[in-house]
Amino acid sequence: MTSPIHQPIRDPAHVVVALTEKTRVGKLRWEPAPQEDTFHVNIGGHTYLRIFLVKSELRNAMGDIEVHTVPTLNMLDEKGRIIWAVDSRTVNEVRELHRQAQNKADRVEERISLLMDALSKM
């Protein structure tokens, strides 16, 4: 029996869920990009992924401006061209992947641990 990760992917949610799980357990090394809220990872030397927030401002019925964010995942080829993309409007799990990538790239768990150590010594 072929494992699901090697079968043709028809549903991008399967890809996003697999990336999220590998990120959660520390198998993917997301790095911060120069752009705000943007993170990237190279997998196997041939797959380059970038996850970022697309922000838009909309005026609501009361006339107030609301900022909406849409986490977006891109797969890029070796020339930096987007060859595959998915966002949280079509796959809700992209939002969690962005959160996990940000936590890993910014070493949030490590920094919180250091903070708690410092606080316990006060």
PDB file of N, CA and C in Angstrom:
ATOM      1  N   MET A   1       0.839  -1.177   0.000  1.00  0.00           N
ATOM      2  CA  MET A   1       0.000   0.000   0.000  1.00  0.00           C
ATOM      3  C   MET A   1       0.891   1.251   0.000  1.00  0.00           C
ATOM      4  N   THR A   2       0.546   2.199  -0.836  1.00  0.00           N
ATOM      5  CA  THR A   2       1.323   3.433  -0.953  1.00  0.00           C
ATOM      6  C   THR A   2       0.922   4.383   0.163  1.00  0.00           C
ATOM      7  N   SER A   3       1.912   5.032   0.769  1.00  0.00           N
ATOM      8  CA  SER A   3       1.592   5.987   1.827  1.00  0.00           C
ATOM      9  C   SER A   3       0.932   7.211   1.207  1.00  0.00           C
ATOM     10  N   PRO A   4       0.037   7.865   1.947  1.00  0.00           N
ATOM     11  CA  PRO A   4      -0.701   9.008   1.396  1.00  0.00           C
ATOM     12  C   PRO A   4       0.194  10.143   0.929  1.00  0.00           C
ATOM     13  N   ILE A   5       1.354  10.303   1.525  1.00  0.00           N
ATOM     14  CA  ILE A   5       2.219  11.420   1.147  1.00  0.00           C
ATOM     15  C   ILE A   5       2.798  11.232  -0.262  1.00  0.00           C
ATOM     16  N   HIS A   6       2.838  10.004  -0.760  1.00  0.00           N
ATOM     17  CA  HIS A   6       3.374   9.753  -2.096  1.00  0.00           C
ATOM     18  C   HIS A   6       2.294   9.632  -3.163  1.00  0.00           C
ATOM     19  N   GLN A   7       1.032   9.633  -2.768  1.00  0.00           N
ATOM     20  CA  GLN A   7      -0.045   9.585  -3.744  1.00  0.00           C
ATOM     21  C   GLN A   7      -0.234  10.965  -4.355  1.00  0.00           C
ATOM     22  N   PRO A   8      -0.776  11.015  -5.576  1.00  0.00           N
ATOM     23  CA  PRO A   8      -1.048  12.324  -6.168  1.00  0.00           C
ATOM     24  C   PRO A   8      -1.961  13.139  -5.242  1.00  0.00           C
ATOM     25  N   ILE A   9      -1.638  14.384  -5.045  1.00  0.00           N
ATOM     26  CA  ILE A   9      -2.397  15.233  -4.134  1.00  0.00           C
ATOM     27  C   ILE A   9      -3.469  15.976  -4.921  1.00  0.00           C
ATOM     28  N   ARG A  10      -4.699  15.686  -4.581  1.00  0.00           N
ATOM     29  CA  ARG A  10      -5.818  16.383  -5.207  1.00  0.00           C
ATOM     30  C   ARG A  10      -6.377  17.458  -4.288  1.00  0.00           C
ATOM     31  N   ASP A  11      -6.165  17.292  -2.995  1.00  0.00           N
ATOM     32  CA  ASP A  11      -6.696  18.216  -2.015  1.00  0.00           C
ATOM     33  C   ASP A  11      -5.530  18.943  -1.337  1.00  0.00           C
ATOM     34  N   PRO A  12      -5.403  20.259  -1.548  1.00  0.00           N
ATOM     35  CA  PRO A  12      -4.281  20.977  -0.945  1.00  0.00           C
ATOM     36  C   PRO A  12      -4.289  20.930   0.581  1.00  0.00           C
ATOM     37  N   ALA A  13      -5.435  20.642   1.183  1.00  0.00           N
ATOM     38  CA  ALA A  13      -5.496  20.545   2.647  1.00  0.00           C
ATOM     39  C   ALA A  13      -4.577  19.437   3.151  1.00  0.00           C
ATOM     40  N   HIS A  14      -4.427  18.346   2.389  1.00  0.00           N
ATOM     41  CA  HIS A  14      -3.529  17.265   2.801  1.00  0.00           C
ATOM     42  C   HIS A  14      -2.083  17.765   2.890  1.00  0.00           C
ATOM     43  N   VAL A  15      -1.687  18.574   1.940  1.00  0.00           N
ATOM     44  CA  VAL A  15      -0.330  19.129   1.934  1.00  0.00           C
ATOM     45  C   VAL A  15      -0.154  20.048   3.136  1.00  0.00           C
ATOM     46  N   VAL A  16      -1.104  20.923   3.365  1.00  0.00           N
ATOM     47  CA  VAL A  16      -1.015  21.892   4.455  1.00  0.00           C
ATOM     48  C   VAL A  16      -1.000  21.194   5.804  1.00  0.00           C
ATOM     49  N   VAL A  17      -1.839  20.188   5.985  1.00  0.00           N
ATOM     50  CA  VAL A  17      -1.870  19.443   7.245  1.00  0.00           C
ATOM     51  C   VAL A  17      -0.533  18.740   7.479  1.00  0.00           C
ATOM     52  N   ALA A  18       0.033  18.130   6.441  1.00  0.00           N
ATOM     53  CA  ALA A  18       1.330  17.455   6.577  1.00  0.00           C
ATOM     54  C   ALA A  18       2.428  18.460   6.931  1.00  0.00           C
ATOM     55  N   LEU A  19       2.426  19.618   6.293  1.00  0.00           N
ATOM     56  CA  LEU A  19       3.417  20.659   6.605  1.00  0.00           C
ATOM     57  C   LEU A  19       3.254  21.161   8.038  1.00  0.00           C
ATOM     58  N   THR A  20       2.018  21.324   8.466  1.00  0.00           N
ATOM     59  CA  THR A  20       1.757  21.797   9.825  1.00  0.00           C
ATOM     60  C   THR A  20       2.264  20.797  10.850  1.00  0.00           C
ATOM     61  N   GLU A  21       2.009  19.524  10.618  1.00  0.00           N
ATOM     62  CA  GLU A  21       2.458  18.494  11.558  1.00  0.00           C
ATOM     63  C   GLU A  21       3.985  18.417  11.606  1.00  0.00           C
ATOM     64  N   LYS A  22       4.641  18.461  10.456  1.00  0.00           N
ATOM     65  CA  LYS A  22       6.115  18.425  10.428  1.00  0.00           C
ATOM     66  C   LYS A  22       6.696  19.675  11.090  1.00  0.00           C
ATOM     67  N   THR A  23       6.011  20.799  10.950  1.00  0.00           N
ATOM     68  CA  THR A  23       6.456  22.026  11.602  1.00  0.00           C
ATOM     69  C   THR A  23       6.295  21.905  13.115  1.00  0.00           C
ATOM     70  N   ARG A  24       5.156  21.396  13.539  1.00  0.00           N
ATOM     71  CA  ARG A  24       4.854  21.273  14.965  1.00  0.00           C
ATOM     72  C   ARG A  24       5.893  20.427  15.688  1.00  0.00           C
ATOM     73  N   VAL A  25       6.354  19.340  15.048  1.00  0.00           N
ATOM     74  CA  VAL A  25       7.321  18.440  15.701  1.00  0.00           C
ATOM     75  C   VAL A  25       8.771  18.844  15.428  1.00  0.00           C
ATOM     76  N   GLY A  26       8.967  19.969  14.757  1.00  0.00           N
ATOM     77  CA  GLY A  26      10.316  20.498  14.561  1.00  0.00           C
ATOM     78  C   GLY A  26      11.086  19.926  13.396  1.00  0.00           C
ATOM     79  N   LYS A  27      10.426  19.278  12.463  1.00  0.00           N
ATOM     80  CA  LYS A  27      11.115  18.698  11.298  1.00  0.00           C
ATOM     81  C   LYS A  27      11.386  19.727  10.207  1.00  0.00           C
ATOM     82  N   LEU A  28      10.636  20.823  10.208  1.00  0.00           N
ATOM     83  CA  LEU A  28      10.839  21.879   9.216  1.00  0.00           C
ATOM     84  C   LEU A  28      11.440  23.097   9.905  1.00  0.00           C
ATOM     85  N   ARG A  29      12.471  23.662   9.292  1.00  0.00           N
ATOM     86  CA  ARG A  29      13.170  24.818   9.871  1.00  0.00           C
ATOM     87  C   ARG A  29      12.752  26.098   9.142  1.00  0.00           C
ATOM     88  N   TRP A  30      11.626  26.632   9.547  1.00  0.00           N
ATOM     89  CA  TRP A  30      11.148  27.890   8.980  1.00  0.00           C
ATOM     90  C   TRP A  30      12.068  29.015   9.433  1.00  0.00           C
ATOM     91  N   GLU A  31      12.318  29.954   8.531  1.00  0.00           N
ATOM     92  CA  GLU A  31      13.171  31.102   8.820  1.00  0.00           C
ATOM     93  C   GLU A  31      12.379  32.378   8.531  1.00  0.00           C
ATOM     94  N   PRO A  32      12.634  33.430   9.295  1.00  0.00           N
ATOM     95  CA  PRO A  32      11.959  34.693   8.982  1.00  0.00           C
ATOM     96  C   PRO A  32      12.519  35.289   7.691  1.00  0.00           C
ATOM     97  N   ALA A  33      11.648  35.863   6.895  1.00  0.00           N
ATOM     98  CA  ALA A  33      12.052  36.565   5.674  1.00  0.00           C
ATOM     99  C   ALA A  33      12.116  38.054   6.000  1.00  0.00           C
ATOM    100  N   PRO A  34      12.743  38.848   5.137  1.00  0.00           N
ATOM    101  CA  PRO A  34      12.820  40.293   5.409  1.00  0.00           C
ATOM    102  C   PRO A  34      11.445  40.958   5.503  1.00  0.00           C
ATOM    103  N   GLN A  35      10.463  40.438   4.789  1.00  0.00           N
ATOM    104  CA  GLN A  35       9.130  41.027   4.808  1.00  0.00           C
ATOM    105  C   GLN A  35       8.412  40.638   6.108  1.00  0.00           C
ATOM    106  N   GLU A  36       7.627  41.563   6.627  1.00  0.00           N
ATOM    107  CA  GLU A  36       6.882  41.336   7.865  1.00  0.00           C
ATOM    108  C   GLU A  36       5.901  40.162   7.711  1.00  0.00           C
ATOM    109  N   ASP A  37       5.800  39.339   8.753  1.00  0.00           N
ATOM    110  CA  ASP A  37       4.869  38.204   8.801  1.00  0.00           C
ATOM    111  C   ASP A  37       5.092  37.199   7.673  1.00  0.00           C
ATOM    112  N   THR A  38       6.334  37.093   7.188  1.00  0.00           N
ATOM    113  CA  THR A  38       6.671  36.179   6.099  1.00  0.00           C
ATOM    114  C   THR A  38       7.770  35.234   6.564  1.00  0.00           C
ATOM    115  N   PHE A  39       7.586  33.938   6.251  1.00  0.00           N
ATOM    116  CA  PHE A  39       8.533  32.909   6.663  1.00  0.00           C
ATOM    117  C   PHE A  39       8.747  31.956   5.501  1.00  0.00           C
ATOM    118  N   HIS A  40       9.961  31.373   5.430  1.00  0.00           N
ATOM    119  CA  HIS A  40      10.243  30.467   4.319  1.00  0.00           C
ATOM    120  C   HIS A  40      11.011  29.257   4.816  1.00  0.00           C
ATOM    121  N   VAL A  41      10.942  28.212   4.011  1.00  0.00           N
ATOM    122  CA  VAL A  41      11.649  26.973   4.318  1.00  0.00           C
ATOM    123  C   VAL A  41      12.008  26.294   3.004  1.00  0.00           C
ATOM    124  N   ASN A  42      13.171  25.639   3.008  1.00  0.00           N
ATOM    125  CA  ASN A  42      13.596  24.839   1.865  1.00  0.00           C
ATOM    126  C   ASN A  42      13.546  23.387   2.310  1.00  0.00           C
ATOM    127  N   ILE A  43      12.868  22.563   1.541  1.00  0.00           N
ATOM    128  CA  ILE A  43      12.703  21.152   1.893  1.00  0.00           C
ATOM    129  C   ILE A  43      13.406  20.305   0.846  1.00  0.00           C
ATOM    130  N   GLY A  44      14.385  19.537   1.289  1.00  0.00           N
ATOM    131  CA  GLY A  44      15.076  18.619   0.405  1.00  0.00           C
ATOM    132  C   GLY A  44      15.933  19.270  -0.653  1.00  0.00           C
ATOM    133  N   GLY A  45      16.194  20.553  -0.538  1.00  0.00           N
ATOM    134  CA  GLY A  45      17.027  21.239  -1.513  1.00  0.00           C
ATOM    135  C   GLY A  45      16.336  21.546  -2.818  1.00  0.00           C
ATOM    136  N   HIS A  46      15.074  21.172  -2.960  1.00  0.00           N
ATOM    137  CA  HIS A  46      14.377  21.387  -4.233  1.00  0.00           C
ATOM    138  C   HIS A  46      12.984  21.980  -4.090  1.00  0.00           C
ATOM    139  N   THR A  47      12.476  22.027  -2.852  1.00  0.00           N
ATOM    140  CA  THR A  47      11.138  22.582  -2.642  1.00  0.00           C
ATOM    141  C   THR A  47      11.258  23.789  -1.728  1.00  0.00           C
ATOM    142  N   TYR A  48      10.863  24.939  -2.225  1.00  0.00           N
ATOM    143  CA  TYR A  48      10.956  26.180  -1.485  1.00  0.00           C
ATOM    144  C   TYR A  48       9.535  26.664  -1.207  1.00  0.00           C
ATOM    145  N   LEU A  49       9.220  26.868   0.066  1.00  0.00           N
ATOM    146  CA  LEU A  49       7.893  27.329   0.456  1.00  0.00           C
ATOM    147  C   LEU A  49       8.003  28.675   1.149  1.00  0.00           C
ATOM    148  N   ARG A  50       7.001  29.503   0.926  1.00  0.00           N
ATOM    149  CA  ARG A  50       6.922  30.799   1.588  1.00  0.00           C
ATOM    150  C   ARG A  50       5.497  30.950   2.109  1.00  0.00           C
ATOM    151  N   ILE A  51       5.363  31.344   3.383  1.00  0.00           N
ATOM    152  CA  ILE A  51       4.040  31.597   3.948  1.00  0.00           C
ATOM    153  C   ILE A  51       4.025  33.022   4.477  1.00  0.00           C
ATOM    154  N   PHE A  52       2.961  33.729   4.210  1.00  0.00           N
ATOM    155  CA  PHE A  52       2.891  35.149   4.548  1.00  0.00           C
ATOM    156  C   PHE A  52       1.442  35.573   4.701  1.00  0.00           C
ATOM    157  N   LEU A  53       1.253  36.789   5.195  1.00  0.00           N
ATOM    158  CA  LEU A  53      -0.091  37.333   5.361  1.00  0.00           C
ATOM    159  C   LEU A  53      -0.372  38.361   4.282  1.00  0.00           C
ATOM    160  N   VAL A  54      -1.495  38.189   3.600  1.00  0.00           N
ATOM    161  CA  VAL A  54      -1.991  39.204   2.677  1.00  0.00           C
ATOM    162  C   VAL A  54      -2.976  40.038   3.483  1.00  0.00           C
ATOM    163  N   LYS A  55      -2.701  41.331   3.590  1.00  0.00           N
ATOM    164  CA  LYS A  55      -3.541  42.207   4.392  1.00  0.00           C
ATOM    165  C   LYS A  55      -4.362  43.111   3.490  1.00  0.00           C
ATOM    166  N   SER A  56      -5.612  43.293   3.886  1.00  0.00           N
ATOM    167  CA  SER A  56      -6.470  44.215   3.153  1.00  0.00           C
ATOM    168  C   SER A  56      -7.303  45.007   4.152  1.00  0.00           C
ATOM    169  N   GLU A  57      -7.631  46.207   3.770  1.00  0.00           N
ATOM    170  CA  GLU A  57      -8.465  47.060   4.602  1.00  0.00           C
ATOM    171  C   GLU A  57      -9.807  47.228   3.913  1.00  0.00           C
ATOM    172  N   LEU A  58     -10.865  46.995   4.685  1.00  0.00           N
ATOM    173  CA  LEU A  58     -12.217  47.137   4.172  1.00  0.00           C
ATOM    174  C   LEU A  58     -12.999  48.056   5.101  1.00  0.00           C
ATOM    175  N   ARG A  59     -13.864  48.849   4.528  1.00  0.00           N
ATOM    176  CA  ARG A  59     -14.717  49.718   5.329  1.00  0.00           C
ATOM    177  C   ARG A  59     -16.007  48.958   5.630  1.00  0.00           C
ATOM    178  N   ASN A  60     -16.343  48.853   6.921  1.00  0.00           N
ATOM    179  CA  ASN A  60     -17.563  48.130   7.294  1.00  0.00           C
ATOM    180  C   ASN A  60     -18.788  49.023   7.140  1.00  0.00           C
ATOM    181  N   ALA A  61     -19.962  48.488   7.468  1.00  0.00           N
ATOM    182  CA  ALA A  61     -21.218  49.215   7.292  1.00  0.00           C
ATOM    183  C   ALA A  61     -21.269  50.499   8.120  1.00  0.00           C
ATOM    184  N   MET A  62     -20.523  50.528   9.231  1.00  0.00           N
ATOM    185  CA  MET A  62     -20.497  51.710  10.090  1.00  0.00           C
ATOM    186  C   MET A  62     -19.466  52.743   9.618  1.00  0.00           C
ATOM    187  N   GLY A  63     -18.719  52.416   8.578  1.00  0.00           N
ATOM    188  CA  GLY A  63     -17.719  53.330   8.049  1.00  0.00           C
ATOM    189  C   GLY A  63     -16.339  53.156   8.650  1.00  0.00           C
ATOM    190  N   ASP A  64     -16.196  52.227   9.593  1.00  0.00           N
ATOM    191  CA  ASP A  64     -14.899  51.962  10.211  1.00  0.00           C
ATOM    192  C   ASP A  64     -14.063  51.068   9.302  1.00  0.00           C
ATOM    193  N   ILE A  65     -12.749  51.266   9.356  1.00  0.00           N
ATOM    194  CA  ILE A  65     -11.845  50.437   8.561  1.00  0.00           C
ATOM    195  C   ILE A  65     -11.477  49.199   9.355  1.00  0.00           C
ATOM    196  N   GLU A  66     -11.648  48.049   8.748  1.00  0.00           N
ATOM    197  CA  GLU A  66     -11.273  46.772   9.353  1.00  0.00           C
ATOM    198  C   GLU A  66     -10.142  46.164   8.538  1.00  0.00           C
ATOM    199  N   VAL A  67      -9.143  45.640   9.239  1.00  0.00           N
ATOM    200  CA  VAL A  67      -8.018  44.990   8.571  1.00  0.00           C
ATOM    201  C   VAL A  67      -8.276  43.490   8.579  1.00  0.00           C
ATOM    202  N   HIS A  68      -8.191  42.880   7.411  1.00  0.00           N
ATOM    203  CA  HIS A  68      -8.366  41.440   7.272  1.00  0.00           C
ATOM    204  C   HIS A  68      -7.039  40.833   6.813  1.00  0.00           C
ATOM    205  N   THR A  69      -6.711  39.681   7.358  1.00  0.00           N
ATOM    206  CA  THR A  69      -5.488  38.994   6.944  1.00  0.00           C
ATOM    207  C   THR A  69      -5.848  37.641   6.362  1.00  0.00           C
ATOM    208  N   VAL A  70      -5.159  37.281   5.306  1.00  0.00           N
ATOM    209  CA  VAL A  70      -5.349  35.989   4.652  1.00  0.00           C
ATOM    210  C   VAL A  70      -3.983  35.312   4.569  1.00  0.00           C
ATOM    211  N   PRO A  71      -3.714  34.338   5.471  1.00  0.00           N
ATOM    212  CA  PRO A  71      -2.465  33.593   5.348  1.00  0.00           C
ATOM    213  C   PRO A  71      -2.418  32.869   4.003  1.00  0.00           C
ATOM    214  N   THR A  72      -1.265  32.963   3.351  1.00  0.00           N
ATOM    215  CA  THR A  72      -1.099  32.397   2.013  1.00  0.00           C
ATOM    216  C   THR A  72       0.200  31.604   1.955  1.00  0.00           C
ATOM    217  N   LEU A  73       0.131  30.420   1.356  1.00  0.00           N
ATOM    218  CA  LEU A  73       1.294  29.549   1.191  1.00  0.00           C
ATOM    219  C   LEU A  73       1.609  29.446  -0.290  1.00  0.00           C
ATOM    220  N   ASN A  74       2.869  29.721  -0.643  1.00  0.00           N
ATOM    221  CA  ASN A  74       3.326  29.585  -2.026  1.00  0.00           C
ATOM    222  C   ASN A  74       4.433  28.546  -2.110  1.00  0.00           C
ATOM    223  N   MET A  75       4.418  27.771  -3.182  1.00  0.00           N
ATOM    224  CA  MET A  75       5.555  26.923  -3.546  1.00  0.00           C
ATOM    225  C   MET A  75       6.228  27.615  -4.721  1.00  0.00           C
ATOM    226  N   LEU A  76       7.546  27.756  -4.615  1.00  0.00           N
ATOM    227  CA  LEU A  76       8.303  28.461  -5.647  1.00  0.00           C
ATOM    228  C   LEU A  76       9.263  27.518  -6.352  1.00  0.00           C
ATOM    229  N   ASP A  77       9.513  27.788  -7.626  1.00  0.00           N
ATOM    230  CA  ASP A  77      10.518  26.995  -8.331  1.00  0.00           C
ATOM    231  C   ASP A  77      11.898  27.588  -8.073  1.00  0.00           C
ATOM    232  N   GLU A  78      12.910  27.000  -8.680  1.00  0.00           N
ATOM    233  CA  GLU A  78      14.289  27.442  -8.431  1.00  0.00           C
ATOM    234  C   GLU A  78      14.567  28.862  -8.910  1.00  0.00           C
ATOM    235  N   LYS A  79      13.693  29.425  -9.742  1.00  0.00           N
ATOM    236  CA  LYS A  79      13.846  30.803 -10.212  1.00  0.00           C
ATOM    237  C   LYS A  79      13.009  31.783  -9.399  1.00  0.00           C
ATOM    238  N   GLY A  80      12.317  31.276  -8.372  1.00  0.00           N
ATOM    239  CA  GLY A  80      11.513  32.135  -7.522  1.00  0.00           C
ATOM    240  C   GLY A  80      10.107  32.405  -8.032  1.00  0.00           C
ATOM    241  N   ARG A  81       9.697  31.674  -9.063  1.00  0.00           N
ATOM    242  CA  ARG A  81       8.343  31.836  -9.587  1.00  0.00           C
ATOM    243  C   ARG A  81       7.365  30.984  -8.789  1.00  0.00           C
ATOM    244  N   ILE A  82       6.181  31.515  -8.567  1.00  0.00           N
ATOM    245  CA  ILE A  82       5.140  30.769  -7.852  1.00  0.00           C
ATOM    246  C   ILE A  82       4.606  29.688  -8.776  1.00  0.00           C
ATOM    247  N   ILE A  83       4.684  28.431  -8.302  1.00  0.00           N
ATOM    248  CA  ILE A  83       4.174  27.324  -9.112  1.00  0.00           C
ATOM    249  C   ILE A  83       2.948  26.659  -8.481  1.00  0.00           C
ATOM    250  N   TRP A  84       2.676  27.015  -7.216  1.00  0.00           N
ATOM    251  CA  TRP A  84       1.513  26.466  -6.520  1.00  0.00           C
ATOM    252  C   TRP A  84       1.209  27.391  -5.361  1.00  0.00           C
ATOM    253  N   ALA A  85      -0.070  27.637  -5.114  1.00  0.00           N
ATOM    254  CA  ALA A  85      -0.446  28.528  -4.020  1.00  0.00           C
ATOM    255  C   ALA A  85      -1.772  28.088  -3.425  1.00  0.00           C
ATOM    256  N   VAL A  86      -1.907  28.355  -2.132  1.00  0.00           N
ATOM    257  CA  VAL A  86      -3.161  28.077  -1.436  1.00  0.00           C
ATOM    258  C   VAL A  86      -3.258  29.081  -0.295  1.00  0.00           C
ATOM    259  N   ASP A  87      -4.474  29.486   0.028  1.00  0.00           N
ATOM    260  CA  ASP A  87      -4.627  30.414   1.144  1.00  0.00           C
ATOM    261  C   ASP A  87      -5.752  29.962   2.069  1.00  0.00           C
ATOM    262  N   SER A  88      -5.912  30.690   3.162  1.00  0.00           N
ATOM    263  CA  SER A  88      -6.857  30.285   4.195  1.00  0.00           C
ATOM    264  C   SER A  88      -8.310  30.434   3.774  1.00  0.00           C
ATOM    265  N   ARG A  89      -8.577  31.090   2.666  1.00  0.00           N
ATOM    266  CA  ARG A  89      -9.961  31.169   2.177  1.00  0.00           C
ATOM    267  C   ARG A  89     -10.411  29.834   1.615  1.00  0.00           C
ATOM    268  N   THR A  90      -9.444  29.033   1.116  1.00  0.00           N
ATOM    269  CA  THR A  90      -9.797  27.724   0.559  1.00  0.00           C
ATOM    270  C   THR A  90      -9.409  26.577   1.479  1.00  0.00           C
ATOM    271  N   VAL A  91      -8.361  26.761   2.279  1.00  0.00           N
ATOM    272  CA  VAL A  91      -7.917  25.738   3.227  1.00  0.00           C
ATOM    273  C   VAL A  91      -7.677  26.429   4.569  1.00  0.00           C
ATOM    274  N   ASN A  92      -8.611  26.242   5.488  1.00  0.00           N
ATOM    275  CA  ASN A  92      -8.530  26.909   6.797  1.00  0.00           C
ATOM    276  C   ASN A  92      -7.219  26.639   7.520  1.00  0.00           C
ATOM    277  N   GLU A  93      -6.635  25.461   7.335  1.00  0.00           N
ATOM    278  CA  GLU A  93      -5.433  25.054   8.055  1.00  0.00           C
ATOM    279  C   GLU A  93      -4.206  25.905   7.718  1.00  0.00           C
ATOM    280  N   VAL A  94      -4.262  26.704   6.656  1.00  0.00           N
ATOM    281  CA  VAL A  94      -3.134  27.573   6.305  1.00  0.00           C
ATOM    282  C   VAL A  94      -2.892  28.583   7.433  1.00  0.00           C
ATOM    283  N   ARG A  95      -3.942  28.994   8.109  1.00  0.00           N
ATOM    284  CA  ARG A  95      -3.797  29.938   9.226  1.00  0.00           C
ATOM    285  C   ARG A  95      -2.964  29.316  10.346  1.00  0.00           C
ATOM    286  N   GLU A  96      -3.230  28.048  10.674  1.00  0.00           N
ATOM    287  CA  GLU A  96      -2.459  27.358  11.715  1.00  0.00           C
ATOM    288  C   GLU A  96      -1.020  27.120  11.263  1.00  0.00           C
ATOM    289  N   LEU A  97      -0.817  26.797   9.993  1.00  0.00           N
ATOM    290  CA  LEU A  97       0.548  26.617   9.481  1.00  0.00           C
ATOM    291  C   LEU A  97       1.329  27.916   9.625  1.00  0.00           C
ATOM    292  N   HIS A  98       0.715  29.043   9.296  1.00  0.00           N
ATOM    293  CA  HIS A  98       1.403  30.326   9.445  1.00  0.00           C
ATOM    294  C   HIS A  98       1.796  30.554  10.903  1.00  0.00           C
ATOM    295  N   ARG A  99       0.874  30.269  11.822  1.00  0.00           N
ATOM    296  CA  ARG A  99       1.155  30.449  13.249  1.00  0.00           C
ATOM    297  C   ARG A  99       2.311  29.565  13.697  1.00  0.00           C
ATOM    298  N   GLN A 100       2.300  28.300  13.257  1.00  0.00           N
ATOM    299  CA  GLN A 100       3.374  27.371  13.618  1.00  0.00           C
ATOM    300  C   GLN A 100       4.709  27.809  13.011  1.00  0.00           C
ATOM    301  N   ALA A 101       4.691  28.215  11.748  1.00  0.00           N
ATOM    302  CA  ALA A 101       5.923  28.670  11.085  1.00  0.00           C
ATOM    303  C   ALA A 101       6.489  29.890  11.804  1.00  0.00           C
ATOM    304  N   GLN A 102       5.620  30.820  12.180  1.00  0.00           N
ATOM    305  CA  GLN A 102       6.063  32.009  12.898  1.00  0.00           C
ATOM    306  C   GLN A 102       6.681  31.624  14.247  1.00  0.00           C
ATOM    307  N   ASN A 103       6.026  30.732  14.982  1.00  0.00           N
ATOM    308  CA  ASN A 103       6.546  30.291  16.278  1.00  0.00           C
ATOM    309  C   ASN A 103       7.923  29.647  16.144  1.00  0.00           C
ATOM    310  N   LYS A 104       8.101  28.810  15.124  1.00  0.00           N
ATOM    311  CA  LYS A 104       9.393  28.142  14.936  1.00  0.00           C
ATOM    312  C   LYS A 104      10.456  29.129  14.473  1.00  0.00           C
ATOM    313  N   ALA A 105      10.121  29.973  13.507  1.00  0.00           N
ATOM    314  CA  ALA A 105      11.106  30.916  12.964  1.00  0.00           C
ATOM    315  C   ALA A 105      11.549  31.929  14.022  1.00  0.00           C
ATOM    316  N   ASP A 106      10.617  32.349  14.849  1.00  0.00           N
ATOM    317  CA  ASP A 106      10.941  33.335  15.881  1.00  0.00           C
ATOM    318  C   ASP A 106      11.370  32.695  17.200  1.00  0.00           C
ATOM    319  N   ARG A 107      11.458  31.366  17.225  1.00  0.00           N
ATOM    320  CA  ARG A 107      11.888  30.606  18.404  1.00  0.00           C
ATOM    321  C   ARG A 107      11.085  31.015  19.643  1.00  0.00           C
ATOM    322  N   VAL A 108       9.770  31.098  19.484  1.00  0.00           N
ATOM    323  CA  VAL A 108       8.896  31.572  20.552  1.00  0.00           C
ATOM    324  C   VAL A 108       8.981  30.681  21.787  1.00  0.00           C
ATOM    325  N   GLU A 109       8.930  29.363  21.625  1.00  0.00           N
ATOM    326  CA  GLU A 109       8.985  28.460  22.782  1.00  0.00           C
ATOM    327  C   GLU A 109      10.283  28.651  23.561  1.00  0.00           C
ATOM    328  N   GLU A 110      11.389  28.734  22.852  1.00  0.00           N
ATOM    329  CA  GLU A 110      12.693  28.932  23.496  1.00  0.00           C
ATOM    330  C   GLU A 110      12.730  30.253  24.261  1.00  0.00           C
ATOM    331  N   ARG A 111      12.214  31.310  23.649  1.00  0.00           N
ATOM    332  CA  ARG A 111      12.225  32.622  24.283  1.00  0.00           C
ATOM    333  C   ARG A 111      11.312  32.673  25.500  1.00  0.00           C
ATOM    334  N   ILE A 112      10.167  32.009  25.429  1.00  0.00           N
ATOM    335  CA  ILE A 112       9.263  31.958  26.581  1.00  0.00           C
ATOM    336  C   ILE A 112       9.910  31.176  27.710  1.00  0.00           C
ATOM    337  N   SER A 113      10.599  30.098  27.375  1.00  0.00           N
ATOM    338  CA  SER A 113      11.297  29.307  28.394  1.00  0.00           C
ATOM    339  C   SER A 113      12.360  30.161  29.103  1.00  0.00           C
ATOM    340  N   LEU A 114      13.134  30.917  28.334  1.00  0.00           N
ATOM    341  CA  LEU A 114      14.142  31.805  28.920  1.00  0.00           C
ATOM    342  C   LEU A 114      13.489  32.877  29.792  1.00  0.00           C
ATOM    343  N   LEU A 115      12.375  33.406  29.327  1.00  0.00           N
ATOM    344  CA  LEU A 115      11.648  34.399  30.100  1.00  0.00           C
ATOM    345  C   LEU A 115      11.187  33.820  31.434  1.00  0.00           C
ATOM    346  N   MET A 116      10.607  32.619  31.382  1.00  0.00           N
ATOM    347  CA  MET A 116      10.123  31.991  32.607  1.00  0.00           C
ATOM    348  C   MET A 116      11.262  31.689  33.560  1.00  0.00           C
ATOM    349  N   ASP A 117      12.409  31.266  33.025  1.00  0.00           N
ATOM    350  CA  ASP A 117      13.594  31.031  33.877  1.00  0.00           C
ATOM    351  C   ASP A 117      14.012  32.325  34.569  1.00  0.00           C
ATOM    352  N   ALA A 118      14.057  33.412  33.795  1.00  0.00           N
ATOM    353  CA  ALA A 118      14.462  34.700  34.370  1.00  0.00           C
ATOM    354  C   ALA A 118      13.468  35.156  35.436  1.00  0.00           C
ATOM    355  N   LEU A 119      12.179  34.975  35.155  1.00  0.00           N
ATOM    356  CA  LEU A 119      11.158  35.385  36.127  1.00  0.00           C
ATOM    357  C   LEU A 119      11.239  34.564  37.406  1.00  0.00           C
ATOM    358  N   SER A 120      11.543  33.277  37.255  1.00  0.00           N
ATOM    359  CA  SER A 120      11.621  32.419  38.463  1.00  0.00           C
ATOM    360  C   SER A 120      12.800  32.780  39.341  1.00  0.00           C
ATOM    361  N   LYS A 121      13.818  33.441  38.796  1.00  0.00           N
ATOM    362  CA  LYS A 121      15.004  33.822  39.557  1.00  0.00           C
ATOM    363  C   LYS A 121      14.872  35.208  40.200  1.00  0.00           C
ATOM    364  N   MET A 122      13.781  35.870  39.938  1.00  0.00           N
ATOM    365  CA  MET A 122      13.582  37.227  40.488  1.00  0.00           C
ATOM    366  C   MET A 122      13.063  37.159  41.913  1.00  0.00           C
TER     367      MET A 122
END
